[in-house]
Amino acid sequence: MKFDTNLDAKLDRNLRQVHAHFEQRAFDYDDLIPRLIPRYREQHDLILQLIPFESNANIKVIDLGGIYSKVRQFPTSST
């Protein structure tokens, strides 16, 4: 049985390409969504205001998606 000795290199290259593709889509999404959803940024700001903790509180957060960049304003939090 012959094995492809370049398989690891091919997989690594493919994974890098997939990662780059998703990074670009995330960038596109972050740029597009605020233009499509009225008051998108204000909604996120309101969500943060409703969190009943100071920004330096050591809290645990379940990230359900979409607001992770805002949760980073709580530097001692963990997700």
N, C-alpha and C. Protein backbone atom coordinates (compact mmCIF):
# COMPACT_ATOMS: atom_id res chain seq x y z
N MET A 1 0.83 -1.17 0.00
CA MET A 1 0.00 0.00 0.00
C MET A 1 0.88 1.24 0.00
N LYS A 2 0.59 2.17 -0.88
CA LYS A 2 1.39 3.38 -1.00
C LYS A 2 0.67 4.54 -0.30
N PHE A 3 1.42 5.26 0.53
CA PHE A 3 0.87 6.40 1.24
C PHE A 3 1.39 7.69 0.62
N ASP A 4 0.56 8.70 0.62
CA ASP A 4 0.94 10.01 0.10
C ASP A 4 1.76 10.73 1.17
N THR A 5 3.04 10.88 0.94
CA THR A 5 3.90 11.51 1.94
C THR A 5 3.65 13.01 2.03
N ASN A 6 2.99 13.57 1.07
CA ASN A 6 2.68 15.00 1.08
C ASN A 6 1.31 15.29 1.67
N LEU A 7 0.64 14.26 2.21
CA LEU A 7 -0.71 14.43 2.72
C LEU A 7 -0.78 15.49 3.82
N ASP A 8 0.14 15.45 4.77
CA ASP A 8 0.13 16.44 5.85
C ASP A 8 0.25 17.86 5.30
N ALA A 9 1.13 18.05 4.35
CA ALA A 9 1.31 19.37 3.76
C ALA A 9 0.06 19.82 3.02
N LYS A 10 -0.58 18.89 2.30
CA LYS A 10 -1.81 19.22 1.58
C LYS A 10 -2.93 19.57 2.56
N LEU A 11 -3.07 18.78 3.63
CA LEU A 11 -4.10 19.06 4.63
C LEU A 11 -3.85 20.40 5.30
N ASP A 12 -2.60 20.67 5.63
CA ASP A 12 -2.25 21.93 6.27
C ASP A 12 -2.60 23.10 5.35
N ARG A 13 -2.26 22.99 4.09
CA ARG A 13 -2.58 24.06 3.13
C ARG A 13 -4.09 24.23 2.99
N ASN A 14 -4.83 23.14 2.93
CA ASN A 14 -6.29 23.22 2.82
C ASN A 14 -6.90 23.85 4.06
N LEU A 15 -6.41 23.48 5.22
CA LEU A 15 -6.93 24.07 6.46
C LEU A 15 -6.66 25.56 6.52
N ARG A 16 -5.48 25.97 6.07
CA ARG A 16 -5.17 27.40 6.04
C ARG A 16 -6.10 28.14 5.08
N GLN A 17 -6.41 27.53 3.95
CA GLN A 17 -7.31 28.15 2.98
C GLN A 17 -8.73 28.27 3.54
N VAL A 18 -9.20 27.23 4.20
CA VAL A 18 -10.53 27.25 4.81
C VAL A 18 -10.58 28.31 5.90
N HIS A 19 -9.54 28.35 6.74
CA HIS A 19 -9.48 29.35 7.81
C HIS A 19 -9.52 30.76 7.23
N ALA A 20 -8.73 31.01 6.20
CA ALA A 20 -8.69 32.34 5.57
C ALA A 20 -10.06 32.70 4.99
N HIS A 21 -10.72 31.72 4.39
CA HIS A 21 -12.05 31.96 3.82
C HIS A 21 -13.04 32.38 4.90
N PHE A 22 -13.07 31.64 6.02
CA PHE A 22 -14.00 31.97 7.09
C PHE A 22 -13.64 33.28 7.77
N GLU A 23 -12.37 33.58 7.89
CA GLU A 23 -11.96 34.87 8.45
C GLU A 23 -12.49 36.01 7.59
N GLN A 24 -12.40 35.87 6.27
CA GLN A 24 -12.90 36.90 5.36
C GLN A 24 -14.41 37.02 5.47
N ARG A 25 -15.12 35.89 5.54
CA ARG A 25 -16.58 35.94 5.67
C ARG A 25 -16.99 36.63 6.98
N ALA A 26 -16.27 36.36 8.06
CA ALA A 26 -16.57 37.01 9.33
C ALA A 26 -16.35 38.50 9.23
N PHE A 27 -15.29 38.91 8.57
CA PHE A 27 -15.02 40.33 8.36
C PHE A 27 -16.14 40.96 7.54
N ASP A 28 -16.56 40.28 6.47
CA ASP A 28 -17.66 40.78 5.63
C ASP A 28 -18.94 40.91 6.45
N TYR A 29 -19.23 39.91 7.28
CA TYR A 29 -20.43 39.90 8.11
C TYR A 29 -20.40 41.08 9.07
N ASP A 30 -19.28 41.27 9.75
CA ASP A 30 -19.16 42.36 10.72
C ASP A 30 -19.37 43.72 10.06
N ASP A 31 -19.00 43.84 8.81
CA ASP A 31 -19.18 45.09 8.09
C ASP A 31 -20.63 45.24 7.59
N LEU A 32 -21.24 44.16 7.17
CA LEU A 32 -22.56 44.19 6.54
C LEU A 32 -23.71 44.30 7.53
N ILE A 33 -23.67 43.53 8.60
CA ILE A 33 -24.79 43.46 9.53
C ILE A 33 -25.22 44.82 10.08
N PRO A 34 -24.31 45.67 10.52
CA PRO A 34 -24.77 46.97 11.03
C PRO A 34 -25.50 47.81 9.97
N ARG A 35 -25.22 47.56 8.71
CA ARG A 35 -25.92 48.29 7.66
C ARG A 35 -27.28 47.69 7.35
N LEU A 36 -27.48 46.41 7.66
CA LEU A 36 -28.74 45.73 7.36
C LEU A 36 -29.75 45.80 8.50
N ILE A 37 -29.27 45.82 9.73
CA ILE A 37 -30.16 45.80 10.89
C ILE A 37 -30.17 47.19 11.53
N PRO A 38 -31.33 47.82 11.52
CA PRO A 38 -31.41 49.15 12.14
C PRO A 38 -31.00 49.12 13.62
N ARG A 39 -30.19 50.08 14.01
CA ARG A 39 -29.75 50.26 15.40
C ARG A 39 -29.02 49.03 15.97
N TYR A 40 -28.32 48.34 15.10
CA TYR A 40 -27.58 47.13 15.51
C TYR A 40 -26.60 47.43 16.63
N ARG A 41 -25.80 48.46 16.46
CA ARG A 41 -24.80 48.78 17.49
C ARG A 41 -25.47 49.24 18.78
N GLU A 42 -26.55 49.99 18.67
CA GLU A 42 -27.28 50.42 19.86
C GLU A 42 -27.85 49.23 20.62
N GLN A 43 -28.31 48.20 19.88
CA GLN A 43 -28.82 46.99 20.53
C GLN A 43 -27.72 46.33 21.36
N HIS A 44 -26.55 46.23 20.79
CA HIS A 44 -25.44 45.61 21.52
C HIS A 44 -25.04 46.44 22.73
N ASP A 45 -25.04 47.74 22.57
CA ASP A 45 -24.72 48.61 23.72
C ASP A 45 -25.74 48.42 24.83
N LEU A 46 -27.01 48.30 24.47
CA LEU A 46 -28.06 48.09 25.46
C LEU A 46 -27.88 46.75 26.17
N ILE A 47 -27.55 45.72 25.43
CA ILE A 47 -27.30 44.40 26.04
C ILE A 47 -26.20 44.51 27.09
N LEU A 48 -25.14 45.22 26.75
CA LEU A 48 -24.04 45.39 27.72
C LEU A 48 -24.49 46.16 28.95
N GLN A 49 -25.32 47.17 28.76
CA GLN A 49 -25.81 47.93 29.90
C GLN A 49 -26.68 47.09 30.82
N LEU A 50 -27.32 46.06 30.27
CA LEU A 50 -28.21 45.21 31.06
C LEU A 50 -27.46 44.13 31.85
N ILE A 51 -26.19 43.94 31.57
CA ILE A 51 -25.40 42.96 32.33
C ILE A 51 -25.16 43.55 33.71
N PRO A 52 -25.64 42.86 34.76
CA PRO A 52 -25.62 43.45 36.11
C PRO A 52 -24.28 43.31 36.84
N PHE A 53 -23.18 43.57 36.15
CA PHE A 53 -21.85 43.46 36.75
C PHE A 53 -21.00 44.64 36.31
N GLU A 54 -20.04 44.99 37.13
CA GLU A 54 -19.05 45.99 36.73
C GLU A 54 -18.14 45.38 35.67
N SER A 55 -17.52 46.21 34.84
CA SER A 55 -16.68 45.68 33.77
C SER A 55 -15.43 44.96 34.28
N ASN A 56 -15.05 45.17 35.55
CA ASN A 56 -13.88 44.46 36.09
C ASN A 56 -14.29 43.24 36.91
N ALA A 57 -15.57 42.87 36.88
CA ALA A 57 -16.05 41.69 37.62
C ALA A 57 -15.52 40.42 36.98
N ASN A 58 -15.22 39.44 37.80
CA ASN A 58 -14.76 38.14 37.32
C ASN A 58 -15.99 37.27 37.10
N ILE A 59 -16.49 37.26 35.86
CA ILE A 59 -17.73 36.54 35.55
C ILE A 59 -17.46 35.48 34.50
N LYS A 60 -18.37 34.52 34.41
CA LYS A 60 -18.32 33.52 33.34
C LYS A 60 -19.45 33.83 32.37
N VAL A 61 -19.15 33.72 31.09
CA VAL A 61 -20.10 34.07 30.05
C VAL A 61 -20.25 32.90 29.10
N ILE A 62 -21.48 32.58 28.77
CA ILE A 62 -21.74 31.60 27.72
C ILE A 62 -21.94 32.38 26.44
N ASP A 63 -21.03 32.21 25.51
CA ASP A 63 -21.09 32.95 24.25
C ASP A 63 -22.01 32.21 23.28
N LEU A 64 -23.18 32.77 23.03
CA LEU A 64 -24.12 32.17 22.09
C LEU A 64 -23.94 32.72 20.68
N GLY A 65 -22.93 33.52 20.52
CA GLY A 65 -22.61 34.05 19.20
C GLY A 65 -23.12 35.46 19.00
N GLY A 66 -22.39 36.20 18.21
CA GLY A 66 -22.85 37.50 17.78
C GLY A 66 -22.46 38.68 18.64
N ILE A 67 -22.02 38.47 19.86
CA ILE A 67 -21.70 39.61 20.71
C ILE A 67 -20.34 39.43 21.39
N TYR A 68 -19.58 38.46 20.96
CA TYR A 68 -18.31 38.15 21.62
C TYR A 68 -17.41 39.38 21.71
N SER A 69 -17.34 40.15 20.63
CA SER A 69 -16.46 41.31 20.66
C SER A 69 -16.88 42.30 21.74
N LYS A 70 -18.15 42.37 22.05
CA LYS A 70 -18.63 43.27 23.10
C LYS A 70 -18.32 42.70 24.48
N VAL A 71 -18.41 41.38 24.64
CA VAL A 71 -18.15 40.77 25.93
C VAL A 71 -16.70 40.97 26.34
N ARG A 72 -15.83 41.16 25.37
CA ARG A 72 -14.41 41.40 25.67
C ARG A 72 -14.21 42.67 26.47
N GLN A 73 -15.25 43.49 26.60
CA GLN A 73 -15.15 44.68 27.42
C GLN A 73 -15.11 44.31 28.90
N PHE A 74 -15.34 43.03 29.21
CA PHE A 74 -15.21 42.49 30.55
C PHE A 74 -13.91 41.69 30.56
N PRO A 75 -12.77 42.34 30.78
CA PRO A 75 -11.47 41.69 30.56
C PRO A 75 -11.19 40.50 31.47
N THR A 76 -11.83 40.40 32.61
CA THR A 76 -11.56 39.25 33.49
C THR A 76 -12.61 38.16 33.32
N SER A 77 -13.50 38.31 32.34
CA SER A 77 -14.52 37.28 32.12
C SER A 77 -13.91 36.09 31.41
N SER A 78 -14.58 34.96 31.52
CA SER A 78 -14.17 33.77 30.75
C SER A 78 -15.39 33.25 30.03
N THR A 79 -15.15 32.70 28.83
CA THR A 79 -16.26 32.19 28.04
C THR A 79 -16.17 30.70 27.94
